[in-house]
Amino acid sequence: MSNPWENPNQEPGENNEPHRMPQGMPTGPVTPPMGRRKGTWYAWTPLLIKYLISIAVSMIAVMGYTFVYISQHYEETVGAMQSQQDMLELSVSISERMLQYTTQLEGITALIVIPVILYMFHRDRKNEKMAGVIPNRKAPLWKYGAVIGIAAALCVGLNNLILISNISSYSAAYQQTSDSLYSAPFVMQLLCLGILVPISEELVFRGMMFKRMREQSGFGQAAFLSSLVFAILHGNMVQMLYAFATGMILCYVYEKYGSVKAPAVGHIVMNIISVAASRFGLFGWMMENNMRISVITILCGAFAAVMFVLIQRIDERPILPGGPEEKNTAVV
């Protein structure tokens, strides 16, 4: 019996010719109609959960820090309570002190988000399997070198373009965010910003949001919308531009590799390079000479293009049950 999911318009038992996969890349998985999943909040739920967790962590941290501060500065706090202006200044002072723990709070949030979203992610895959969805084939591990290569080239190249254009100087929010994130110890930056945060963001934005949008639309629309949301939530123009560009590439990587591990690896590489380059002054060194930074940026663009071509050649088309590829695999 033919698989009815191969053609959404074909009823089980009909002998019509199965719907063929569209030509071109990325083709995407053979997805059954999931009308019951088309609710407004279906694709947005993981993002809502992430930010509820983030708000909860921030509130607990602020309350804890405030309690400790009051216990250590009791007389000062009692005196401030006599004046509304003094209380406001005390609140602002506590908020400013909390900024130095931004990286740690991001890491704690990610530690909570990862298992929650990972559970939802695996539940979605289980539901797809039960519904008869044929997922994209997974690329072999040795092809992940192209992901690492394009991530490294994009990270350096895009950051160089931001420096050359000098748009960062027009964003006070970007400067404040950078100062807060990079004020933590280097090891903490590597752990939180380099590993935990990228994994949590990839699970939320690519593994869940993009994937769920992809069930209801084409690749372009799902990638654009999820990347746009990913960019906007970074909160400042510099990071928005960077996040949107990298978000689109990471969606494509996910589509081609058939696993959320691929964009997660790419995101981790980007963040670790950014943290290390900021720590050791790599971008400052490149900015010392216009010719140096120009040549490096051009080389990064060329290398990223080569890696993109390699990724584009990956065949992500699903292996259909009973097809020649499955039979050959079985023989091997």
C-alpha atoms as a PDB file:
ATOM      1  CA  MET A   1       0.000   0.000   0.000  1.00  0.00           C
ATOM      2  CA  SER A   2       1.293   3.451  -0.859  1.00  0.00           C
ATOM      3  CA  ASN A   3       2.026   5.856   1.940  1.00  0.00           C
ATOM      4  CA  PRO A   4      -0.899   8.359   2.122  1.00  0.00           C
ATOM      5  CA  TRP A   5       1.434  10.984   3.602  1.00  0.00           C
ATOM      6  CA  GLU A   6       3.265  11.175   0.289  1.00  0.00           C
ATOM      7  CA  ASN A   7       0.290  13.107  -1.065  1.00  0.00           C
ATOM      8  CA  PRO A   8      -1.861  15.065   1.396  1.00  0.00           C
ATOM      9  CA  ASN A   9      -4.745  15.025  -1.111  1.00  0.00           C
ATOM     10  CA  GLN A  10      -4.661  11.267  -1.511  1.00  0.00           C
ATOM     11  CA  GLU A  11      -6.880   9.170   0.726  1.00  0.00           C
ATOM     12  CA  PRO A  12      -5.573   5.872   2.148  1.00  0.00           C
ATOM     13  CA  GLY A  13      -6.261   3.012  -0.225  1.00  0.00           C
ATOM     14  CA  GLU A  14      -6.369   5.117  -3.382  1.00  0.00           C
ATOM     15  CA  ASN A  15      -4.127   3.985  -6.193  1.00  0.00           C
ATOM     16  CA  ASN A  16      -3.191   7.438  -7.419  1.00  0.00           C
ATOM     17  CA  GLU A  17       0.443   8.107  -8.196  1.00  0.00           C
ATOM     18  CA  PRO A  18       2.241   9.276  -5.030  1.00  0.00           C
ATOM     19  CA  HIS A  19       3.154  12.911  -4.721  1.00  0.00           C
ATOM     20  CA  ARG A  20       6.785  13.428  -5.706  1.00  0.00           C
ATOM     21  CA  MET A  21       9.249  15.471  -3.713  1.00  0.00           C
ATOM     22  CA  PRO A  22       9.816  18.939  -5.239  1.00  0.00           C
ATOM     23  CA  GLN A  23      13.068  19.482  -7.042  1.00  0.00           C
ATOM     24  CA  GLY A  24      15.716  21.851  -5.732  1.00  0.00           C
ATOM     25  CA  MET A  25      17.316  22.330  -2.343  1.00  0.00           C
ATOM     26  CA  PRO A  26      16.463  22.314   0.426  1.00  0.00           C
ATOM     27  CA  THR A  27      13.542  20.003  -0.255  1.00  0.00           C
ATOM     28  CA  GLY A  28      12.502  19.450   3.357  1.00  0.00           C
ATOM     29  CA  PRO A  29      10.838  16.453   4.925  1.00  0.00           C
ATOM     30  CA  VAL A  30       7.728  14.739   3.708  1.00  0.00           C
ATOM     31  CA  THR A  31       5.284  16.233   6.189  1.00  0.00           C
ATOM     32  CA  PRO A  32       1.744  15.022   6.831  1.00  0.00           C
ATOM     33  CA  PRO A  33      -1.084  17.472   7.267  1.00  0.00           C
ATOM     34  CA  MET A  34      -1.138  18.588  10.893  1.00  0.00           C
ATOM     35  CA  GLY A  35      -4.161  20.850  10.999  1.00  0.00           C
ATOM     36  CA  ARG A  36      -4.632  20.299  14.715  1.00  0.00           C
ATOM     37  CA  ARG A  37      -1.171  21.811  15.299  1.00  0.00           C
ATOM     38  CA  LYS A  38      -1.774  25.067  13.464  1.00  0.00           C
ATOM     39  CA  GLY A  39      -2.768  27.033  16.543  1.00  0.00           C
ATOM     40  CA  THR A  40      -1.357  30.526  16.958  1.00  0.00           C
ATOM     41  CA  TRP A  41       0.874  29.551  19.872  1.00  0.00           C
ATOM     42  CA  TYR A  42       2.194  26.307  18.430  1.00  0.00           C
ATOM     43  CA  ALA A  43       5.462  27.774  17.106  1.00  0.00           C
ATOM     44  CA  TRP A  44       5.722  30.462  19.795  1.00  0.00           C
ATOM     45  CA  THR A  45       5.287  28.315  22.905  1.00  0.00           C
ATOM     46  CA  PRO A  46       9.011  27.345  23.240  1.00  0.00           C
ATOM     47  CA  LEU A  47      10.009  31.014  23.031  1.00  0.00           C
ATOM     48  CA  LEU A  48       7.426  31.973  25.653  1.00  0.00           C
ATOM     49  CA  ILE A  49       8.708  29.226  27.962  1.00  0.00           C
ATOM     50  CA  LYS A  50      12.296  30.410  27.507  1.00  0.00           C
ATOM     51  CA  TYR A  51      11.460  33.983  28.469  1.00  0.00           C
ATOM     52  CA  LEU A  52       9.284  33.001  31.397  1.00  0.00           C
ATOM     53  CA  ILE A  53      12.244  31.009  32.720  1.00  0.00           C
ATOM     54  CA  SER A  54      14.548  33.974  32.071  1.00  0.00           C
ATOM     55  CA  ILE A  55      12.233  36.371  33.925  1.00  0.00           C
ATOM     56  CA  ALA A  56      11.897  33.951  36.847  1.00  0.00           C
ATOM     57  CA  VAL A  57      15.682  33.525  37.125  1.00  0.00           C
ATOM     58  CA  SER A  58      16.221  37.302  36.992  1.00  0.00           C
ATOM     59  CA  MET A  59      13.571  37.984  39.635  1.00  0.00           C
ATOM     60  CA  ILE A  60      14.962  35.364  42.008  1.00  0.00           C
ATOM     61  CA  ALA A  61      18.488  36.692  41.476  1.00  0.00           C
ATOM     62  CA  VAL A  62      17.439  40.304  42.134  1.00  0.00           C
ATOM     63  CA  MET A  63      15.510  39.361  45.277  1.00  0.00           C
ATOM     64  CA  GLY A  64      18.409  37.278  46.556  1.00  0.00           C
ATOM     65  CA  TYR A  65      20.953  39.993  45.838  1.00  0.00           C
ATOM     66  CA  THR A  66      18.715  42.635  47.406  1.00  0.00           C
ATOM     67  CA  PHE A  67      18.305  40.555  50.569  1.00  0.00           C
ATOM     68  CA  VAL A  68      22.061  40.085  50.879  1.00  0.00           C
ATOM     69  CA  TYR A  69      22.703  43.774  50.206  1.00  0.00           C
ATOM     70  CA  ILE A  70      20.166  44.900  52.806  1.00  0.00           C
ATOM     71  CA  SER A  71      21.583  42.513  55.412  1.00  0.00           C
ATOM     72  CA  GLN A  72      25.063  43.925  54.828  1.00  0.00           C
ATOM     73  CA  HIS A  73      23.986  47.586  54.593  1.00  0.00           C
ATOM     74  CA  TYR A  74      21.047  47.634  56.985  1.00  0.00           C
ATOM     75  CA  GLU A  75      21.481  51.155  58.350  1.00  0.00           C
ATOM     76  CA  GLU A  76      22.008  52.622  54.887  1.00  0.00           C
ATOM     77  CA  THR A  77      18.853  50.885  53.632  1.00  0.00           C
ATOM     78  CA  VAL A  78      16.748  52.057  56.599  1.00  0.00           C
ATOM     79  CA  GLY A  79      17.956  55.605  55.991  1.00  0.00           C
ATOM     80  CA  ALA A  80      17.063  55.370  52.287  1.00  0.00           C
ATOM     81  CA  MET A  81      13.525  54.345  53.164  1.00  0.00           C
ATOM     82  CA  GLN A  82      12.894  57.798  54.591  1.00  0.00           C
ATOM     83  CA  SER A  83      13.048  59.337  51.129  1.00  0.00           C
ATOM     84  CA  GLN A  84      11.455  58.217  47.872  1.00  0.00           C
ATOM     85  CA  GLN A  85      14.384  59.648  45.913  1.00  0.00           C
ATOM     86  CA  ASP A  86      16.907  57.746  48.040  1.00  0.00           C
ATOM     87  CA  MET A  87      14.942  54.514  47.557  1.00  0.00           C
ATOM     88  CA  LEU A  88      14.938  55.086  43.797  1.00  0.00           C
ATOM     89  CA  GLU A  89      18.688  55.663  43.795  1.00  0.00           C
ATOM     90  CA  LEU A  90      19.197  52.519  45.885  1.00  0.00           C
ATOM     91  CA  SER A  91      17.118  50.483  43.439  1.00  0.00           C
ATOM     92  CA  VAL A  92      19.097  51.830  40.476  1.00  0.00           C
ATOM     93  CA  SER A  93      22.345  51.066  42.284  1.00  0.00           C
ATOM     94  CA  ILE A  94      21.294  47.451  42.907  1.00  0.00           C
ATOM     95  CA  SER A  95      20.223  47.067  39.259  1.00  0.00           C
ATOM     96  CA  GLU A  96      23.578  48.364  38.047  1.00  0.00           C
ATOM     97  CA  ARG A  97      25.411  45.978  40.360  1.00  0.00           C
ATOM     98  CA  MET A  98      23.361  43.087  38.966  1.00  0.00           C
ATOM     99  CA  LEU A  99      24.606  43.810  35.440  1.00  0.00           C
ATOM    100  CA  GLN A 100      27.991  42.337  36.317  1.00  0.00           C
ATOM    101  CA  TYR A 101      26.284  38.961  36.754  1.00  0.00           C
ATOM    102  CA  THR A 102      24.540  39.035  33.363  1.00  0.00           C
ATOM    103  CA  THR A 103      26.679  36.217  31.944  1.00  0.00           C
ATOM    104  CA  GLN A 104      26.115  33.968  34.957  1.00  0.00           C
ATOM    105  CA  LEU A 105      22.353  34.576  34.850  1.00  0.00           C
ATOM    106  CA  GLU A 106      22.301  33.772  31.130  1.00  0.00           C
ATOM    107  CA  GLY A 107      24.098  30.512  31.890  1.00  0.00           C
ATOM    108  CA  ILE A 108      21.691  29.552  34.703  1.00  0.00           C
ATOM    109  CA  THR A 109      18.716  30.323  32.452  1.00  0.00           C
ATOM    110  CA  ALA A 110      20.196  28.165  29.688  1.00  0.00           C
ATOM    111  CA  LEU A 111      20.778  25.286  32.125  1.00  0.00           C
ATOM    112  CA  ILE A 112      17.059  25.291  32.951  1.00  0.00           C
ATOM    113  CA  VAL A 113      15.853  25.918  29.395  1.00  0.00           C
ATOM    114  CA  ILE A 114      17.887  23.122  27.777  1.00  0.00           C
ATOM    115  CA  PRO A 115      16.233  20.102  29.489  1.00  0.00           C
ATOM    116  CA  VAL A 116      12.736  21.644  29.241  1.00  0.00           C
ATOM    117  CA  ILE A 117      12.970  22.425  25.514  1.00  0.00           C
ATOM    118  CA  LEU A 118      14.878  19.199  24.832  1.00  0.00           C
ATOM    119  CA  TYR A 119      11.930  17.263  26.260  1.00  0.00           C
ATOM    120  CA  MET A 120       9.546  19.180  23.990  1.00  0.00           C
ATOM    121  CA  PHE A 121      11.869  18.663  21.022  1.00  0.00           C
ATOM    122  CA  HIS A 122      11.986  14.878  21.470  1.00  0.00           C
ATOM    123  CA  ARG A 123       8.224  14.797  22.022  1.00  0.00           C
ATOM    124  CA  ASP A 124       7.727  16.543  18.671  1.00  0.00           C
ATOM    125  CA  ARG A 125      10.001  14.043  16.931  1.00  0.00           C
ATOM    126  CA  LYS A 126       8.116  11.168  18.553  1.00  0.00           C
ATOM    127  CA  ASN A 127       4.790  12.612  17.406  1.00  0.00           C
ATOM    128  CA  GLU A 128       6.146  13.015  13.887  1.00  0.00           C
ATOM    129  CA  LYS A 129       7.300   9.419  13.833  1.00  0.00           C
ATOM    130  CA  MET A 130       3.901   8.208  15.002  1.00  0.00           C
ATOM    131  CA  ALA A 131       2.232  10.346  12.324  1.00  0.00           C
ATOM    132  CA  GLY A 132       4.391   8.805   9.605  1.00  0.00           C
ATOM    133  CA  VAL A 133       6.593  11.812   8.879  1.00  0.00           C
ATOM    134  CA  ILE A 134       9.763  10.941   7.003  1.00  0.00           C
ATOM    135  CA  PRO A 135      12.526  13.276   8.313  1.00  0.00           C
ATOM    136  CA  ASN A 136      15.458  14.613   6.351  1.00  0.00           C
ATOM    137  CA  ARG A 137      18.383  12.253   6.306  1.00  0.00           C
ATOM    138  CA  LYS A 138      21.168  13.058   8.744  1.00  0.00           C
ATOM    139  CA  ALA A 139      24.524  14.097   7.337  1.00  0.00           C
ATOM    140  CA  PRO A 140      27.557  12.057   8.453  1.00  0.00           C
ATOM    141  CA  LEU A 141      29.768  13.445  11.205  1.00  0.00           C
ATOM    142  CA  TRP A 142      32.732  14.143   8.922  1.00  0.00           C
ATOM    143  CA  LYS A 143      30.695  16.713   6.994  1.00  0.00           C
ATOM    144  CA  TYR A 144      30.385  18.867  10.121  1.00  0.00           C
ATOM    145  CA  GLY A 145      33.743  20.371   9.198  1.00  0.00           C
ATOM    146  CA  ALA A 146      31.903  22.609   6.731  1.00  0.00           C
ATOM    147  CA  VAL A 147      29.645  23.878   9.533  1.00  0.00           C
ATOM    148  CA  ILE A 148      32.653  24.726  11.689  1.00  0.00           C
ATOM    149  CA  GLY A 149      34.343  26.424   8.740  1.00  0.00           C
ATOM    150  CA  ILE A 150      31.411  28.587   7.677  1.00  0.00           C
ATOM    151  CA  ALA A 151      30.629  29.513  11.295  1.00  0.00           C
ATOM    152  CA  ALA A 152      34.199  30.666  11.957  1.00  0.00           C
ATOM    153  CA  ALA A 153      34.401  32.621   8.696  1.00  0.00           C
ATOM    154  CA  LEU A 154      31.019  34.290   9.217  1.00  0.00           C
ATOM    155  CA  CYS A 155      31.838  35.224  12.800  1.00  0.00           C
ATOM    156  CA  VAL A 156      35.090  36.975  11.910  1.00  0.00           C
ATOM    157  CA  GLY A 157      33.830  38.402   8.623  1.00  0.00           C
ATOM    158  CA  LEU A 158      30.558  39.850   9.955  1.00  0.00           C
ATOM    159  CA  ASN A 159      32.225  41.294  13.055  1.00  0.00           C
ATOM    160  CA  ASN A 160      34.817  42.931  10.801  1.00  0.00           C
ATOM    161  CA  LEU A 161      32.078  44.485   8.668  1.00  0.00           C
ATOM    162  CA  ILE A 162      30.457  45.861  11.821  1.00  0.00           C
ATOM    163  CA  LEU A 163      33.785  47.346  12.911  1.00  0.00           C
ATOM    164  CA  ILE A 164      34.544  48.802   9.477  1.00  0.00           C
ATOM    165  CA  SER A 165      31.089  50.384   9.215  1.00  0.00           C
ATOM    166  CA  ASN A 166      31.439  51.723  12.778  1.00  0.00           C
ATOM    167  CA  ILE A 167      27.724  51.180  13.454  1.00  0.00           C
ATOM    168  CA  SER A 168      28.520  49.866  16.940  1.00  0.00           C
ATOM    169  CA  SER A 169      29.480  53.383  18.026  1.00  0.00           C
ATOM    170  CA  TYR A 170      25.903  54.534  17.410  1.00  0.00           C
ATOM    171  CA  SER A 171      24.354  51.941  19.721  1.00  0.00           C
ATOM    172  CA  ALA A 172      24.675  52.629  23.441  1.00  0.00           C
ATOM    173  CA  ALA A 173      22.613  49.520  24.155  1.00  0.00           C
ATOM    174  CA  TYR A 174      25.152  47.371  22.298  1.00  0.00           C
ATOM    175  CA  GLN A 175      28.031  48.876  24.255  1.00  0.00           C
ATOM    176  CA  GLN A 176      26.238  48.277  27.553  1.00  0.00           C
ATOM    177  CA  THR A 177      25.376  44.693  26.594  1.00  0.00           C
ATOM    178  CA  SER A 178      28.962  43.947  25.568  1.00  0.00           C
ATOM    179  CA  ASP A 179      30.374  45.443  28.759  1.00  0.00           C
ATOM    180  CA  SER A 180      27.965  43.376  30.874  1.00  0.00           C
ATOM    181  CA  LEU A 181      28.549  40.070  29.090  1.00  0.00           C
ATOM    182  CA  TYR A 182      32.328  40.378  28.887  1.00  0.00           C
ATOM    183  CA  SER A 183      32.799  41.514  32.496  1.00  0.00           C
ATOM    184  CA  ALA A 184      32.573  37.923  33.781  1.00  0.00           C
ATOM    185  CA  PRO A 185      35.672  35.726  34.211  1.00  0.00           C
ATOM    186  CA  PHE A 186      36.936  34.263  30.927  1.00  0.00           C
ATOM    187  CA  VAL A 187      36.149  30.658  31.882  1.00  0.00           C
ATOM    188  CA  MET A 188      32.611  31.672  32.811  1.00  0.00           C
ATOM    189  CA  GLN A 189      32.230  33.409  29.448  1.00  0.00           C
ATOM    190  CA  LEU A 190      33.357  30.275  27.610  1.00  0.00           C
ATOM    191  CA  LEU A 191      30.993  28.037  29.583  1.00  0.00           C
ATOM    192  CA  CYS A 192      27.910  30.271  29.556  1.00  0.00           C
ATOM    193  CA  LEU A 193      28.199  32.353  26.376  1.00  0.00           C
ATOM    194  CA  GLY A 194      30.247  29.849  24.395  1.00  0.00           C
ATOM    195  CA  ILE A 195      28.386  26.611  25.156  1.00  0.00           C
ATOM    196  CA  LEU A 196      25.206  26.796  27.259  1.00  0.00           C
ATOM    197  CA  VAL A 197      23.541  29.817  25.654  1.00  0.00           C
ATOM    198  CA  PRO A 198      24.109  28.652  22.031  1.00  0.00           C
ATOM    199  CA  ILE A 199      22.664  25.210  22.794  1.00  0.00           C
ATOM    200  CA  SER A 200      19.563  26.667  24.466  1.00  0.00           C
ATOM    201  CA  GLU A 201      19.013  29.197  21.667  1.00  0.00           C
ATOM    202  CA  GLU A 202      19.367  26.583  18.939  1.00  0.00           C
ATOM    203  CA  LEU A 203      16.868  24.303  20.641  1.00  0.00           C
ATOM    204  CA  VAL A 204      14.381  27.174  20.957  1.00  0.00           C
ATOM    205  CA  PHE A 205      14.826  29.063  17.684  1.00  0.00           C
ATOM    206  CA  ARG A 206      15.908  26.373  15.212  1.00  0.00           C
ATOM    207  CA  GLY A 207      14.977  23.081  16.873  1.00  0.00           C
ATOM    208  CA  MET A 208      11.480  24.191  17.882  1.00  0.00           C
ATOM    209  CA  MET A 209      10.413  27.530  16.393  1.00  0.00           C
ATOM    210  CA  PHE A 210      11.842  27.101  12.885  1.00  0.00           C
ATOM    211  CA  LYS A 211      10.966  23.414  12.812  1.00  0.00           C
ATOM    212  CA  ARG A 212       7.347  24.012  13.790  1.00  0.00           C
ATOM    213  CA  MET A 213       6.994  26.861  11.306  1.00  0.00           C
ATOM    214  CA  ARG A 214       8.535  24.594   8.681  1.00  0.00           C
ATOM    215  CA  GLU A 215       5.704  22.115   9.132  1.00  0.00           C
ATOM    216  CA  GLN A 216       3.234  24.735   7.964  1.00  0.00           C
ATOM    217  CA  SER A 217       5.235  26.651   5.341  1.00  0.00           C
ATOM    218  CA  GLY A 218       8.180  26.606   2.968  1.00  0.00           C
ATOM    219  CA  PHE A 219      11.791  26.891   4.020  1.00  0.00           C
ATOM    220  CA  GLY A 220      12.152  30.575   3.094  1.00  0.00           C
ATOM    221  CA  GLN A 221       9.195  31.786   5.137  1.00  0.00           C
ATOM    222  CA  ALA A 222      10.032  29.655   8.185  1.00  0.00           C
ATOM    223  CA  ALA A 223      13.704  30.668   8.128  1.00  0.00           C
ATOM    224  CA  PHE A 224      12.917  34.369   7.633  1.00  0.00           C
ATOM    225  CA  LEU A 225      10.322  34.603  10.412  1.00  0.00           C
ATOM    226  CA  SER A 226      12.291  32.606  12.990  1.00  0.00           C
ATOM    227  CA  SER A 227      15.497  34.527  12.194  1.00  0.00           C
ATOM    228  CA  LEU A 228      13.658  37.856  12.375  1.00  0.00           C
ATOM    229  CA  VAL A 229      12.321  37.026  15.833  1.00  0.00           C
ATOM    230  CA  PHE A 230      15.779  35.777  16.848  1.00  0.00           C
ATOM    231  CA  ALA A 231      17.249  39.112  15.721  1.00  0.00           C
ATOM    232  CA  ILE A 232      14.642  41.409  17.279  1.00  0.00           C
ATOM    233  CA  LEU A 233      14.959  39.780  20.684  1.00  0.00           C
ATOM    234  CA  HIS A 234      18.649  40.701  20.824  1.00  0.00           C
ATOM    235  CA  GLY A 235      17.482  44.240  21.546  1.00  0.00           C
ATOM    236  CA  ASN A 236      19.961  46.454  19.667  1.00  0.00           C
ATOM    237  CA  MET A 237      20.650  47.186  16.007  1.00  0.00           C
ATOM    238  CA  VAL A 238      24.189  45.777  15.904  1.00  0.00           C
ATOM    239  CA  GLN A 239      23.246  42.399  17.337  1.00  0.00           C
ATOM    240  CA  MET A 240      20.017  42.360  15.310  1.00  0.00           C
ATOM    241  CA  LEU A 241      21.895  42.531  12.016  1.00  0.00           C
ATOM    242  CA  TYR A 242      24.405  39.913  13.110  1.00  0.00           C
ATOM    243  CA  ALA A 243      21.731  37.598  14.561  1.00  0.00           C
ATOM    244  CA  PHE A 244      19.480  37.767  11.493  1.00  0.00           C
ATOM    245  CA  ALA A 245      22.295  36.905   9.084  1.00  0.00           C
ATOM    246  CA  THR A 246      23.605  34.039  11.187  1.00  0.00           C
ATOM    247  CA  GLY A 247      20.059  32.865  11.960  1.00  0.00           C
ATOM    248  CA  MET A 248      19.286  32.395   8.264  1.00  0.00           C
ATOM    249  CA  ILE A 249      22.473  30.398   7.745  1.00  0.00           C
ATOM    250  CA  LEU A 250      21.826  28.241  10.816  1.00  0.00           C
ATOM    251  CA  CYS A 251      18.300  27.446   9.573  1.00  0.00           C
ATOM    252  CA  TYR A 252      19.783  26.327   6.270  1.00  0.00           C
ATOM    253  CA  VAL A 253      22.375  24.235   8.068  1.00  0.00           C
ATOM    254  CA  TYR A 254      19.636  22.554  10.124  1.00  0.00           C
ATOM    255  CA  GLU A 255      17.660  21.795   6.978  1.00  0.00           C
ATOM    256  CA  LYS A 256      20.633  20.306   5.140  1.00  0.00           C
ATOM    257  CA  TYR A 257      22.122  18.289   8.003  1.00  0.00           C
ATOM    258  CA  GLY A 258      18.832  16.945   9.338  1.00  0.00           C
ATOM    259  CA  SER A 259      19.886  17.462  12.956  1.00  0.00           C
ATOM    260  CA  VAL A 260      19.740  20.364  15.402  1.00  0.00           C
ATOM    261  CA  LYS A 261      23.264  19.376  16.425  1.00  0.00           C
ATOM    262  CA  ALA A 262      24.603  21.028  13.258  1.00  0.00           C
ATOM    263  CA  PRO A 263      23.384  24.592  13.925  1.00  0.00           C
ATOM    264  CA  ALA A 264      24.260  24.125  17.613  1.00  0.00           C
ATOM    265  CA  VAL A 265      27.858  23.311  16.647  1.00  0.00           C
ATOM    266  CA  GLY A 266      27.968  26.330  14.343  1.00  0.00           C
ATOM    267  CA  HIS A 267      26.539  28.655  17.005  1.00  0.00           C
ATOM    268  CA  ILE A 268      28.998  27.381  19.620  1.00  0.00           C
ATOM    269  CA  VAL A 269      31.927  28.002  17.249  1.00  0.00           C
ATOM    270  CA  MET A 270      30.740  31.561  16.564  1.00  0.00           C
ATOM    271  CA  ASN A 271      30.309  32.435  20.230  1.00  0.00           C
ATOM    272  CA  ILE A 272      33.591  30.892  21.373  1.00  0.00           C
ATOM    273  CA  ILE A 273      35.475  32.799  18.671  1.00  0.00           C
ATOM    274  CA  SER A 274      33.725  36.040  19.672  1.00  0.00           C
ATOM    275  CA  VAL A 275      34.548  35.517  23.355  1.00  0.00           C
ATOM    276  CA  ALA A 276      38.182  34.571  22.653  1.00  0.00           C
ATOM    277  CA  ALA A 277      38.694  37.367  20.121  1.00  0.00           C
ATOM    278  CA  SER A 278      37.339  39.949  22.581  1.00  0.00           C
ATOM    279  CA  ARG A 279      39.481  38.539  25.370  1.00  0.00           C
ATOM    280  CA  PHE A 280      42.740  38.544  23.410  1.00  0.00           C
ATOM    281  CA  GLY A 281      42.135  41.686  21.331  1.00  0.00           C
ATOM    282  CA  LEU A 282      41.935  39.992  17.923  1.00  0.00           C
ATOM    283  CA  PHE A 283      39.492  42.490  16.462  1.00  0.00           C
ATOM    284  CA  GLY A 284      41.478  45.414  17.864  1.00  0.00           C
ATOM    285  CA  TRP A 285      44.615  44.006  16.214  1.00  0.00           C
ATOM    286  CA  MET A 286      42.862  43.756  12.844  1.00  0.00           C
ATOM    287  CA  MET A 287      41.500  47.306  13.162  1.00  0.00           C
ATOM    288  CA  GLU A 288      45.017  48.696  13.605  1.00  0.00           C
ATOM    289  CA  ASN A 289      45.610  48.348   9.859  1.00  0.00           C
ATOM    290  CA  ASN A 290      42.947  49.012   7.223  1.00  0.00           C
ATOM    291  CA  MET A 291      44.590  46.751   4.683  1.00  0.00           C
ATOM    292  CA  ARG A 292      44.868  43.931   7.221  1.00  0.00           C
ATOM    293  CA  ILE A 293      41.217  43.940   8.230  1.00  0.00           C
ATOM    294  CA  SER A 294      40.076  44.358   4.614  1.00  0.00           C
ATOM    295  CA  VAL A 295      42.091  41.377   3.381  1.00  0.00           C
ATOM    296  CA  ILE A 296      40.975  39.181   6.290  1.00  0.00           C
ATOM    297  CA  THR A 297      37.340  40.107   5.707  1.00  0.00           C
ATOM    298  CA  ILE A 298      37.563  39.266   1.990  1.00  0.00           C
ATOM    299  CA  LEU A 299      39.259  35.940   2.775  1.00  0.00           C
ATOM    300  CA  CYS A 300      36.531  35.137   5.305  1.00  0.00           C
ATOM    301  CA  GLY A 301      33.858  35.855   2.700  1.00  0.00           C
ATOM    302  CA  ALA A 302      35.575  33.635   0.123  1.00  0.00           C
ATOM    303  CA  PHE A 303      36.064  30.799   2.599  1.00  0.00           C
ATOM    304  CA  ALA A 304      32.454  31.041   3.790  1.00  0.00           C
ATOM    305  CA  ALA A 305      31.288  30.831   0.157  1.00  0.00           C
ATOM    306  CA  VAL A 306      33.304  27.636  -0.389  1.00  0.00           C
ATOM    307  CA  MET A 307      31.896  26.090   2.788  1.00  0.00           C
ATOM    308  CA  PHE A 308      28.374  27.086   1.717  1.00  0.00           C
ATOM    309  CA  VAL A 309      28.815  25.284  -1.593  1.00  0.00           C
ATOM    310  CA  LEU A 310      29.942  22.146   0.252  1.00  0.00           C
ATOM    311  CA  ILE A 311      26.891  22.353   2.528  1.00  0.00           C
ATOM    312  CA  GLN A 312      24.621  22.969  -0.461  1.00  0.00           C
ATOM    313  CA  ARG A 313      25.821  19.721  -2.055  1.00  0.00           C
ATOM    314  CA  ILE A 314      24.661  17.653   0.913  1.00  0.00           C
ATOM    315  CA  ASP A 315      21.698  15.518  -0.087  1.00  0.00           C
ATOM    316  CA  GLU A 316      19.124  15.960   2.658  1.00  0.00           C
ATOM    317  CA  ARG A 317      16.218  14.332   0.829  1.00  0.00           C
ATOM    318  CA  PRO A 318      14.392  11.760   2.967  1.00  0.00           C
ATOM    319  CA  ILE A 319      14.907   8.062   2.297  1.00  0.00           C
ATOM    320  CA  LEU A 320      11.434   6.854   1.376  1.00  0.00           C
ATOM    321  CA  PRO A 321      10.322   3.460   2.709  1.00  0.00           C
ATOM    322  CA  GLY A 322      10.772   0.753   0.121  1.00  0.00           C
ATOM    323  CA  GLY A 323      12.750   3.057  -2.149  1.00  0.00           C
ATOM    324  CA  PRO A 324      15.969   2.025  -3.917  1.00  0.00           C
ATOM    325  CA  GLU A 325      18.155   3.858  -1.391  1.00  0.00           C
ATOM    326  CA  GLU A 326      16.621   1.978   1.524  1.00  0.00           C
ATOM    327  CA  LYS A 327      17.087  -1.321  -0.305  1.00  0.00           C
ATOM    328  CA  ASN A 328      20.721  -0.531  -1.038  1.00  0.00           C
ATOM    329  CA  THR A 329      21.280   0.415   2.581  1.00  0.00           C
ATOM    330  CA  ALA A 330      19.729  -2.824   3.713  1.00  0.00           C
ATOM    331  CA  VAL A 331      22.009  -4.825   1.428  1.00  0.00           C
ATOM    332  CA  VAL A 332      25.080  -3.016   2.731  1.00  0.00           C
END
